[in-house]
């Protein structure tokens, strides 16, 4: 069973690297999707997913109780639906900048593959199939693999919350104004 924890940890780490590059650098910093009229809906779907992610990590990867598990399953379902809506709308969202580049499309495929692989690998450790259906499996032991996943997950939460907050802030004119001031100052520092 430890292999599932190790693989889930690896997928979660790979997702976080790709999602940070895509979700922060490309979507917010480089393309400023929040400020493009045709991209606002895409930014909203990204915001929902950025808010759901730390909740899913907390409830599924860190907490071990049945209520957290079932709430996380619902949130995972919502995340999956929002991903589909985002993918459907993404083509129209990028028309003014020449569409979604193939390499970014591939980046999205890998990021979302790692995202859901991490989740489903961990789900496999928490469910059991019984004659009456699917049930939450109580885990009696904490292996070093489980502990490693938990420590990494706990340490991902602050950055995920910040990214979710930045996405949320950029839905509002005042948030965009604050972002533009901060981003301009940072860009000036980079030029020096």
Protein backbone atom coordinates (compact mmCIF):
# COMPACT_ATOMS: atom_id res chain seq x y z
CA UNK A 1 0.00 0.00 0.00
CA UNK A 2 2.94 2.36 0.62
CA UNK A 3 3.60 2.53 -3.12
CA UNK A 4 0.24 4.27 -3.55
CA UNK A 5 1.28 6.95 -1.03
CA UNK A 6 4.66 7.44 -2.72
CA UNK A 7 3.07 7.71 -6.16
CA UNK A 8 0.39 10.06 -4.88
CA UNK A 9 3.08 12.24 -3.29
CA UNK A 10 5.08 12.32 -6.53
CA UNK A 11 2.00 13.22 -8.60
CA UNK A 12 0.99 15.90 -6.11
CA UNK A 13 4.46 17.49 -6.23
CA UNK A 14 4.55 17.41 -10.04
CA UNK A 15 1.08 18.92 -10.18
CA UNK A 16 2.04 21.74 -7.83
CA UNK A 17 5.10 22.65 -9.91
CA UNK A 18 3.15 22.64 -13.19
CA UNK A 19 0.08 24.34 -11.70
CA UNK A 20 2.14 27.12 -10.16
CA UNK A 21 3.88 27.79 -13.46
CA UNK A 22 0.63 27.62 -15.43
CA UNK A 23 -1.80 29.14 -12.92
CA UNK A 24 0.39 31.92 -11.64
CA UNK A 25 3.11 32.69 -14.16
CA UNK A 26 1.20 32.13 -17.41
CA UNK A 27 -2.39 32.93 -16.50
CA UNK A 28 -1.86 35.79 -14.05
CA UNK A 29 1.62 37.23 -14.66
CA UNK A 30 2.25 36.80 -18.39
CA UNK A 31 -1.19 36.74 -20.07
CA UNK A 32 -3.15 38.58 -17.34
CA UNK A 33 -6.28 36.59 -18.17
CA UNK A 34 -8.18 38.39 -15.41
CA UNK A 35 -7.92 41.67 -17.35
CA UNK A 36 -9.01 40.39 -20.77
CA UNK A 37 -12.74 40.66 -21.39
CA UNK A 38 -12.89 37.36 -23.31
CA UNK A 39 -10.86 35.55 -20.61
CA UNK A 40 -12.82 36.57 -17.51
CA UNK A 41 -14.92 33.39 -17.54
CA UNK A 42 -11.76 31.28 -17.80
CA UNK A 43 -10.30 33.20 -14.86
CA UNK A 44 -13.47 32.48 -12.87
CA UNK A 45 -13.19 28.74 -13.52
CA UNK A 46 -9.52 28.87 -12.49
CA UNK A 47 -10.55 30.72 -9.33
CA UNK A 48 -13.06 28.02 -8.39
CA UNK A 49 -10.43 25.32 -8.92
CA UNK A 50 -7.77 27.33 -7.03
CA UNK A 51 -10.14 27.57 -4.06
CA UNK A 52 -11.16 23.90 -4.24
CA UNK A 53 -7.58 22.60 -4.36
CA UNK A 54 -6.45 23.44 -0.80
CA UNK A 55 -9.81 22.24 0.52
CA UNK A 56 -9.39 18.90 -1.26
CA UNK A 57 -5.81 18.57 -0.03
CA UNK A 58 -6.84 19.33 3.55
CA UNK A 59 -9.87 17.05 3.59
CA UNK A 60 -8.44 14.13 1.59
CA UNK A 61 -4.65 14.20 2.03
CA UNK A 62 -4.39 15.46 5.61
CA UNK A 63 -7.58 14.60 7.50
CA UNK A 64 -8.34 10.94 8.07
CA UNK A 65 -11.99 10.92 9.18
CA UNK A 66 -14.93 9.67 7.14
CA UNK A 67 -16.77 13.01 7.01
CA UNK A 68 -13.72 14.76 5.53
CA UNK A 69 -13.37 11.92 3.05
CA UNK A 70 -16.95 12.18 1.77
CA UNK A 71 -16.84 15.99 1.61
CA UNK A 72 -13.62 15.72 -0.41
CA UNK A 73 -15.29 13.28 -2.80
CA UNK A 74 -18.03 15.86 -3.46
CA UNK A 75 -15.43 18.62 -3.95
CA UNK A 76 -13.46 16.39 -6.33
CA UNK A 77 -16.64 15.89 -8.36
CA UNK A 78 -17.21 19.66 -8.49
CA UNK A 79 -13.56 20.18 -9.47
CA UNK A 80 -13.92 17.66 -12.30
CA UNK A 81 -17.05 19.40 -13.65
CA UNK A 82 -15.40 22.85 -13.43
CA UNK A 83 -12.36 21.45 -15.28
CA UNK A 84 -14.66 20.31 -18.11
CA UNK A 85 -16.34 23.72 -18.26
CA UNK A 86 -12.94 25.43 -18.27
CA UNK A 87 -11.61 23.22 -21.07
CA UNK A 88 -14.75 23.83 -23.14
CA UNK A 89 -14.54 27.62 -22.75
CA UNK A 90 -10.75 27.95 -23.06
CA UNK A 91 -10.61 28.13 -26.87
CA UNK A 92 -12.82 31.23 -27.03
CA UNK A 93 -10.98 32.76 -24.08
CA UNK A 94 -7.65 33.08 -25.90
CA UNK A 95 -8.70 34.33 -29.35
CA UNK A 96 -7.20 37.81 -28.89
CA UNK A 97 -3.75 36.33 -28.17
CA UNK A 98 -3.80 33.79 -30.99
CA UNK A 99 -5.49 30.95 -29.14
CA UNK A 100 -4.13 28.48 -26.64
CA UNK A 101 -0.58 27.47 -27.67
CA UNK A 102 -0.10 23.71 -28.20
CA UNK A 103 2.65 23.57 -25.58
CA UNK A 104 0.32 25.15 -22.99
CA UNK A 105 -2.42 22.71 -23.94
CA UNK A 106 0.07 19.89 -23.31
CA UNK A 107 1.05 21.52 -19.99
CA UNK A 108 -2.64 21.52 -18.98
CA UNK A 109 -2.93 17.83 -19.89
CA UNK A 110 0.06 16.89 -17.75
CA UNK A 111 -0.90 19.14 -14.83
CA UNK A 112 -4.45 17.81 -14.69
CA UNK A 113 -3.26 14.24 -15.15
CA UNK A 114 -0.94 14.56 -12.16
CA UNK A 115 -3.68 16.36 -10.18
CA UNK A 116 -6.25 13.61 -10.61
CA UNK A 117 -3.68 10.79 -10.42
CA UNK A 118 -2.60 12.06 -6.98
CA UNK A 119 -6.24 12.16 -5.89
CA UNK A 120 -7.27 8.77 -7.29
CA UNK A 121 -4.17 7.01 -5.99
CA UNK A 122 -4.98 8.30 -2.51
CA UNK A 123 -8.66 7.46 -2.91
CA UNK A 124 -7.58 3.88 -3.59
CA UNK A 125 -6.07 3.76 -0.10
CA UNK A 126 -9.21 5.08 1.55
CA UNK A 127 -11.97 3.00 0.02
CA UNK A 128 -12.94 -0.61 0.03
CA UNK A 129 -15.43 -2.37 -2.15
CA UNK A 130 -17.92 -4.39 -0.15
CA UNK A 131 -20.98 -6.41 -1.09
CA UNK A 132 -23.14 -3.39 -0.26
CA UNK A 133 -21.04 -0.90 -2.29
CA UNK A 134 -18.14 1.43 -1.72
CA UNK A 135 -17.18 2.22 1.88
CA UNK A 136 -14.64 4.42 3.64
CA UNK A 137 -11.74 2.28 4.85
CA UNK A 138 -10.50 3.15 8.33
CA UNK A 139 -6.70 3.07 8.36
CA UNK A 140 -5.24 1.73 11.58
CA UNK A 141 -1.57 2.45 10.89
CA UNK A 142 0.45 5.47 9.90
CA UNK A 143 3.36 4.38 7.74
CA UNK A 144 6.34 6.56 6.89
CA UNK A 145 4.90 6.91 3.36
CA UNK A 146 1.61 8.21 4.77
CA UNK A 147 3.44 10.62 7.05
CA UNK A 148 5.58 11.91 4.17
CA UNK A 149 2.48 12.61 2.08
CA UNK A 150 0.83 14.34 5.03
CA UNK A 151 3.87 16.56 5.75
CA UNK A 152 4.20 17.57 2.09
CA UNK A 153 0.46 18.22 1.87
CA UNK A 154 0.47 20.41 4.98
CA UNK A 155 3.35 22.42 3.54
CA UNK A 156 1.53 22.91 0.22
CA UNK A 157 -1.57 24.41 1.83
CA UNK A 158 -0.23 27.96 2.47
CA UNK A 159 0.96 28.43 -1.12
CA UNK A 160 -2.27 26.99 -2.48
CA UNK A 161 -4.30 29.35 -0.29
CA UNK A 162 -2.26 32.34 -1.48
CA UNK A 163 -2.77 31.33 -5.12
CA UNK A 164 -6.50 30.90 -4.52
CA UNK A 165 -6.66 34.28 -2.77
CA UNK A 166 -4.82 36.01 -5.64
CA UNK A 167 -7.26 34.47 -8.14
CA UNK A 168 -10.22 35.58 -6.01
CA UNK A 169 -8.82 39.08 -5.49
CA UNK A 170 -8.44 39.52 -9.26
CA UNK A 171 -12.18 39.04 -9.79
CA UNK A 172 -12.74 42.54 -8.40
CA UNK A 173 -11.68 45.96 -9.75
CA UNK A 174 -10.03 46.97 -6.45
CA UNK A 175 -8.09 43.69 -6.40
CA UNK A 176 -6.90 44.27 -9.97
CA UNK A 177 -5.85 47.79 -9.02
CA UNK A 178 -3.82 46.49 -6.06
CA UNK A 179 -2.32 43.72 -8.20
CA UNK A 180 -1.26 46.19 -10.91
CA UNK A 181 0.54 48.37 -8.35
CA UNK A 182 2.32 45.39 -6.76
CA UNK A 183 3.16 43.78 -10.12
CA UNK A 184 4.53 47.04 -11.52
CA UNK A 185 6.79 47.49 -8.50
CA UNK A 186 8.02 43.92 -8.80
CA UNK A 187 8.67 44.27 -12.54
CA UNK A 188 10.72 47.41 -11.85
CA UNK A 189 12.81 45.44 -9.35
CA UNK A 190 13.43 42.74 -11.95
CA UNK A 191 14.67 45.30 -14.49
CA UNK A 192 17.31 46.68 -12.09
